[in-house]
Amino acid sequence: MNMAYAMGNQAASGQGGSSQWMGLLPLVLLFVVFYFLLIRPQQKRAKQQKLFIENLKKGDKVITSGGLYGTITGITDDSVTIEIAEKVRVRVLKSAVVDKAKGE
Protein backbone atom coordinates (compact mmCIF):
# COMPACT_ATOMS: atom_id res chain seq x y z
CA MET A 1 0.00 0.00 0.00
CA ASN A 2 2.77 2.43 0.77
CA MET A 3 4.20 1.83 -2.67
CA ALA A 4 0.89 2.74 -4.38
CA TYR A 5 0.74 6.05 -2.57
CA ALA A 6 4.28 6.89 -3.60
CA MET A 7 3.58 6.13 -7.25
CA GLY A 8 0.35 8.13 -7.19
CA ASN A 9 2.18 11.22 -5.91
CA GLN A 10 4.78 10.99 -8.66
CA ALA A 11 2.14 10.78 -11.36
CA ALA A 12 0.23 13.74 -9.93
CA SER A 13 3.34 15.89 -9.59
CA GLY A 14 4.25 15.27 -13.24
CA GLN A 15 0.92 16.72 -14.38
CA GLY A 16 0.99 19.52 -11.81
CA GLY A 17 3.30 21.66 -13.95
CA SER A 18 0.92 21.80 -16.88
CA SER A 19 -2.10 22.44 -14.65
CA GLN A 20 -0.30 25.46 -13.14
CA TRP A 21 0.11 26.93 -16.63
CA MET A 22 -3.53 26.20 -17.38
CA GLY A 23 -4.41 28.08 -14.19
CA LEU A 24 -2.60 31.17 -15.50
CA LEU A 25 -4.34 31.03 -18.89
CA PRO A 26 -7.54 32.81 -17.72
CA LEU A 27 -5.45 35.63 -16.21
CA VAL A 28 -3.51 36.06 -19.44
CA LEU A 29 -6.73 36.07 -21.47
CA LEU A 30 -8.25 38.63 -19.07
CA PHE A 31 -5.24 40.92 -19.53
CA VAL A 32 -5.48 40.63 -23.33
CA VAL A 33 -9.19 41.54 -23.22
CA PHE A 34 -8.50 44.53 -20.94
CA TYR A 35 -5.72 45.68 -23.24
CA PHE A 36 -7.86 45.67 -26.38
CA LEU A 37 -11.04 47.00 -24.76
CA LEU A 38 -9.65 49.59 -22.32
CA ILE A 39 -5.96 50.40 -22.54
CA ARG A 40 -5.45 50.61 -26.31
CA PRO A 41 -8.49 52.83 -27.06
CA GLN A 42 -7.54 55.14 -24.20
CA GLN A 43 -4.01 55.51 -25.59
CA LYS A 44 -5.43 56.30 -29.05
CA ARG A 45 -7.72 59.00 -27.61
CA ALA A 46 -4.84 60.53 -25.64
CA LYS A 47 -2.69 60.61 -28.78
CA GLN A 48 -5.50 62.27 -30.79
CA GLN A 49 -6.09 64.87 -28.04
CA LYS A 50 -2.38 65.70 -27.89
CA LEU A 51 -2.28 66.15 -31.66
CA PHE A 52 -5.42 68.33 -31.52
CA ILE A 53 -3.89 70.60 -28.86
CA GLU A 54 -0.63 70.92 -30.80
CA ASN A 55 -2.55 72.05 -33.91
CA LEU A 56 -4.60 74.81 -32.26
CA LYS A 57 -4.22 78.21 -33.92
CA LYS A 58 -5.64 81.72 -33.72
CA GLY A 59 -9.14 81.99 -35.08
CA ASP A 60 -10.19 78.43 -34.21
CA LYS A 61 -13.60 78.20 -32.58
CA VAL A 62 -13.31 75.83 -29.61
CA ILE A 63 -15.12 74.39 -26.60
CA THR A 64 -13.45 74.13 -23.18
CA SER A 65 -13.94 71.38 -20.63
CA GLY A 66 -15.99 73.89 -18.61
CA GLY A 67 -18.41 74.31 -21.51
CA LEU A 68 -17.28 77.73 -22.73
CA TYR A 69 -17.55 78.38 -26.47
CA GLY A 70 -15.14 80.90 -27.93
CA THR A 71 -12.58 81.89 -30.51
CA ILE A 72 -8.85 81.58 -29.87
CA THR A 73 -7.18 85.00 -29.87
CA GLY A 74 -3.79 84.05 -28.42
CA ILE A 75 -1.66 81.00 -27.73
CA THR A 76 1.34 80.42 -25.46
CA ASP A 77 3.21 77.21 -24.64
CA ASP A 78 0.76 76.10 -21.96
CA SER A 79 -2.31 78.35 -22.24
CA VAL A 80 -4.83 79.72 -24.71
CA THR A 81 -6.70 83.03 -24.65
CA ILE A 82 -10.29 82.64 -25.78
CA GLU A 83 -12.72 85.41 -26.63
CA ILE A 84 -16.11 84.26 -25.35
CA ALA A 85 -17.98 87.50 -26.11
CA GLU A 86 -17.06 90.80 -27.69
CA LYS A 87 -14.06 92.14 -25.72
CA VAL A 88 -14.45 89.39 -23.07
CA ARG A 89 -11.40 87.15 -23.00
CA VAL A 90 -10.43 84.30 -20.70
CA ARG A 91 -7.16 82.46 -20.44
CA VAL A 92 -7.31 78.69 -19.95
CA LEU A 93 -4.85 75.84 -20.06
CA LYS A 94 -4.46 74.19 -23.43
CA SER A 95 -5.53 70.91 -21.84
CA ALA A 96 -8.91 72.51 -21.00
CA VAL A 97 -9.71 72.84 -24.73
CA VAL A 98 -11.53 69.63 -25.60
CA ASP A 99 -13.01 70.12 -29.08
CA LYS A 100 -13.59 72.45 -31.99
CA ALA A 101 -16.99 74.14 -32.02
CA LYS A 102 -19.23 72.90 -34.77
CA GLY A 103 -21.92 74.90 -36.53
CA GLU A 104 -20.86 78.37 -35.48
C-alpha atoms as a PDB file:
ATOM      1  CA  MET A   1       0.000   0.000   0.000  1.00  0.00           C
ATOM      2  CA  ASN A   2       2.766   2.429   0.771  1.00  0.00           C
ATOM      3  CA  MET A   3       4.196   1.829  -2.668  1.00  0.00           C
ATOM      4  CA  ALA A   4       0.888   2.741  -4.379  1.00  0.00           C
ATOM      5  CA  TYR A   5       0.736   6.046  -2.574  1.00  0.00           C
ATOM      6  CA  ALA A   6       4.280   6.893  -3.603  1.00  0.00           C
ATOM      7  CA  MET A   7       3.583   6.135  -7.250  1.00  0.00           C
ATOM      8  CA  GLY A   8       0.354   8.127  -7.194  1.00  0.00           C
ATOM      9  CA  ASN A   9       2.180  11.220  -5.913  1.00  0.00           C
ATOM     10  CA  GLN A  10       4.784  10.985  -8.663  1.00  0.00           C
ATOM     11  CA  ALA A  11       2.138  10.778 -11.362  1.00  0.00           C
ATOM     12  CA  ALA A  12       0.229  13.735  -9.931  1.00  0.00           C
ATOM     13  CA  SER A  13       3.341  15.887  -9.590  1.00  0.00           C
ATOM     14  CA  GLY A  14       4.248  15.271 -13.237  1.00  0.00           C
ATOM     15  CA  GLN A  15       0.923  16.717 -14.384  1.00  0.00           C
ATOM     16  CA  GLY A  16       0.986  19.521 -11.808  1.00  0.00           C
ATOM     17  CA  GLY A  17       3.303  21.657 -13.947  1.00  0.00           C
ATOM     18  CA  SER A  18       0.920  21.803 -16.879  1.00  0.00           C
ATOM     19  CA  SER A  19      -2.100  22.443 -14.647  1.00  0.00           C
ATOM     20  CA  GLN A  20      -0.301  25.463 -13.140  1.00  0.00           C
ATOM     21  CA  TRP A  21       0.115  26.932 -16.632  1.00  0.00           C
ATOM     22  CA  MET A  22      -3.534  26.203 -17.384  1.00  0.00           C
ATOM     23  CA  GLY A  23      -4.410  28.078 -14.193  1.00  0.00           C
ATOM     24  CA  LEU A  24      -2.600  31.171 -15.504  1.00  0.00           C
ATOM     25  CA  LEU A  25      -4.335  31.033 -18.886  1.00  0.00           C
ATOM     26  CA  PRO A  26      -7.536  32.813 -17.724  1.00  0.00           C
ATOM     27  CA  LEU A  27      -5.448  35.631 -16.208  1.00  0.00           C
ATOM     28  CA  VAL A  28      -3.511  36.061 -19.443  1.00  0.00           C
ATOM     29  CA  LEU A  29      -6.732  36.067 -21.467  1.00  0.00           C
ATOM     30  CA  LEU A  30      -8.248  38.627 -19.072  1.00  0.00           C
ATOM     31  CA  PHE A  31      -5.241  40.919 -19.531  1.00  0.00           C
ATOM     32  CA  VAL A  32      -5.482  40.628 -23.329  1.00  0.00           C
ATOM     33  CA  VAL A  33      -9.185  41.535 -23.224  1.00  0.00           C
ATOM     34  CA  PHE A  34      -8.502  44.528 -20.944  1.00  0.00           C
ATOM     35  CA  TYR A  35      -5.716  45.684 -23.241  1.00  0.00           C
ATOM     36  CA  PHE A  36      -7.858  45.667 -26.382  1.00  0.00           C
ATOM     37  CA  LEU A  37     -11.042  47.004 -24.760  1.00  0.00           C
ATOM     38  CA  LEU A  38      -9.654  49.588 -22.324  1.00  0.00           C
ATOM     39  CA  ILE A  39      -5.957  50.400 -22.537  1.00  0.00           C
ATOM     40  CA  ARG A  40      -5.447  50.605 -26.307  1.00  0.00           C
ATOM     41  CA  PRO A  41      -8.493  52.827 -27.061  1.00  0.00           C
ATOM     42  CA  GLN A  42      -7.537  55.145 -24.201  1.00  0.00           C
ATOM     43  CA  GLN A  43      -4.009  55.506 -25.595  1.00  0.00           C
ATOM     44  CA  LYS A  44      -5.428  56.299 -29.052  1.00  0.00           C
ATOM     45  CA  ARG A  45      -7.720  59.002 -27.608  1.00  0.00           C
ATOM     46  CA  ALA A  46      -4.835  60.533 -25.637  1.00  0.00           C
ATOM     47  CA  LYS A  47      -2.685  60.613 -28.783  1.00  0.00           C
ATOM     48  CA  GLN A  48      -5.499  62.270 -30.786  1.00  0.00           C
ATOM     49  CA  GLN A  49      -6.093  64.874 -28.036  1.00  0.00           C
ATOM     50  CA  LYS A  50      -2.376  65.700 -27.889  1.00  0.00           C
ATOM     51  CA  LEU A  51      -2.275  66.150 -31.664  1.00  0.00           C
ATOM     52  CA  PHE A  52      -5.417  68.327 -31.525  1.00  0.00           C
ATOM     53  CA  ILE A  53      -3.888  70.599 -28.859  1.00  0.00           C
ATOM     54  CA  GLU A  54      -0.630  70.920 -30.802  1.00  0.00           C
ATOM     55  CA  ASN A  55      -2.546  72.049 -33.914  1.00  0.00           C
ATOM     56  CA  LEU A  56      -4.605  74.814 -32.255  1.00  0.00           C
ATOM     57  CA  LYS A  57      -4.225  78.211 -33.919  1.00  0.00           C
ATOM     58  CA  LYS A  58      -5.638  81.716 -33.719  1.00  0.00           C
ATOM     59  CA  GLY A  59      -9.138  81.988 -35.083  1.00  0.00           C
ATOM     60  CA  ASP A  60     -10.195  78.432 -34.213  1.00  0.00           C
ATOM     61  CA  LYS A  61     -13.604  78.198 -32.579  1.00  0.00           C
ATOM     62  CA  VAL A  62     -13.315  75.834 -29.612  1.00  0.00           C
ATOM     63  CA  ILE A  63     -15.118  74.391 -26.600  1.00  0.00           C
ATOM     64  CA  THR A  64     -13.452  74.129 -23.184  1.00  0.00           C
ATOM     65  CA  SER A  65     -13.941  71.377 -20.627  1.00  0.00           C
ATOM     66  CA  GLY A  66     -15.986  73.887 -18.612  1.00  0.00           C
ATOM     67  CA  GLY A  67     -18.412  74.307 -21.510  1.00  0.00           C
ATOM     68  CA  LEU A  68     -17.280  77.728 -22.734  1.00  0.00           C
ATOM     69  CA  TYR A  69     -17.553  78.382 -26.472  1.00  0.00           C
ATOM     70  CA  GLY A  70     -15.140  80.896 -27.926  1.00  0.00           C
ATOM     71  CA  THR A  71     -12.577  81.891 -30.508  1.00  0.00           C
ATOM     72  CA  ILE A  72      -8.846  81.583 -29.872  1.00  0.00           C
ATOM     73  CA  THR A  73      -7.180  85.000 -29.869  1.00  0.00           C
ATOM     74  CA  GLY A  74      -3.792  84.050 -28.423  1.00  0.00           C
ATOM     75  CA  ILE A  75      -1.660  81.003 -27.729  1.00  0.00           C
ATOM     76  CA  THR A  76       1.342  80.425 -25.462  1.00  0.00           C
ATOM     77  CA  ASP A  77       3.210  77.207 -24.643  1.00  0.00           C
ATOM     78  CA  ASP A  78       0.758  76.102 -21.961  1.00  0.00           C
ATOM     79  CA  SER A  79      -2.306  78.354 -22.235  1.00  0.00           C
ATOM     80  CA  VAL A  80      -4.831  79.717 -24.710  1.00  0.00           C
ATOM     81  CA  THR A  81      -6.697  83.033 -24.652  1.00  0.00           C
ATOM     82  CA  ILE A  82     -10.286  82.639 -25.782  1.00  0.00           C
ATOM     83  CA  GLU A  83     -12.719  85.407 -26.630  1.00  0.00           C
ATOM     84  CA  ILE A  84     -16.108  84.260 -25.355  1.00  0.00           C
ATOM     85  CA  ALA A  85     -17.976  87.495 -26.112  1.00  0.00           C
ATOM     86  CA  GLU A  86     -17.058  90.804 -27.686  1.00  0.00           C
ATOM     87  CA  LYS A  87     -14.063  92.142 -25.718  1.00  0.00           C
ATOM     88  CA  VAL A  88     -14.446  89.395 -23.074  1.00  0.00           C
ATOM     89  CA  ARG A  89     -11.400  87.152 -23.002  1.00  0.00           C
ATOM     90  CA  VAL A  90     -10.432  84.302 -20.702  1.00  0.00           C
ATOM     91  CA  ARG A  91      -7.163  82.459 -20.435  1.00  0.00           C
ATOM     92  CA  VAL A  92      -7.313  78.690 -19.949  1.00  0.00           C
ATOM     93  CA  LEU A  93      -4.848  75.835 -20.055  1.00  0.00           C
ATOM     94  CA  LYS A  94      -4.457  74.186 -23.433  1.00  0.00           C
ATOM     95  CA  SER A  95      -5.528  70.911 -21.839  1.00  0.00           C
ATOM     96  CA  ALA A  96      -8.912  72.506 -21.004  1.00  0.00           C
ATOM     97  CA  VAL A  97      -9.709  72.837 -24.726  1.00  0.00           C
ATOM     98  CA  VAL A  98     -11.527  69.631 -25.604  1.00  0.00           C
ATOM     99  CA  ASP A  99     -13.010  70.115 -29.079  1.00  0.00           C
ATOM    100  CA  LYS A 100     -13.588  72.448 -31.991  1.00  0.00           C
ATOM    101  CA  ALA A 101     -16.994  74.135 -32.019  1.00  0.00           C
ATOM    102  CA  LYS A 102     -19.229  72.895 -34.770  1.00  0.00           C
ATOM    103  CA  GLY A 103     -21.918  74.902 -36.527  1.00  0.00           C
ATOM    104  CA  GLU A 104     -20.856  78.374 -35.481  1.00  0.00           C
END
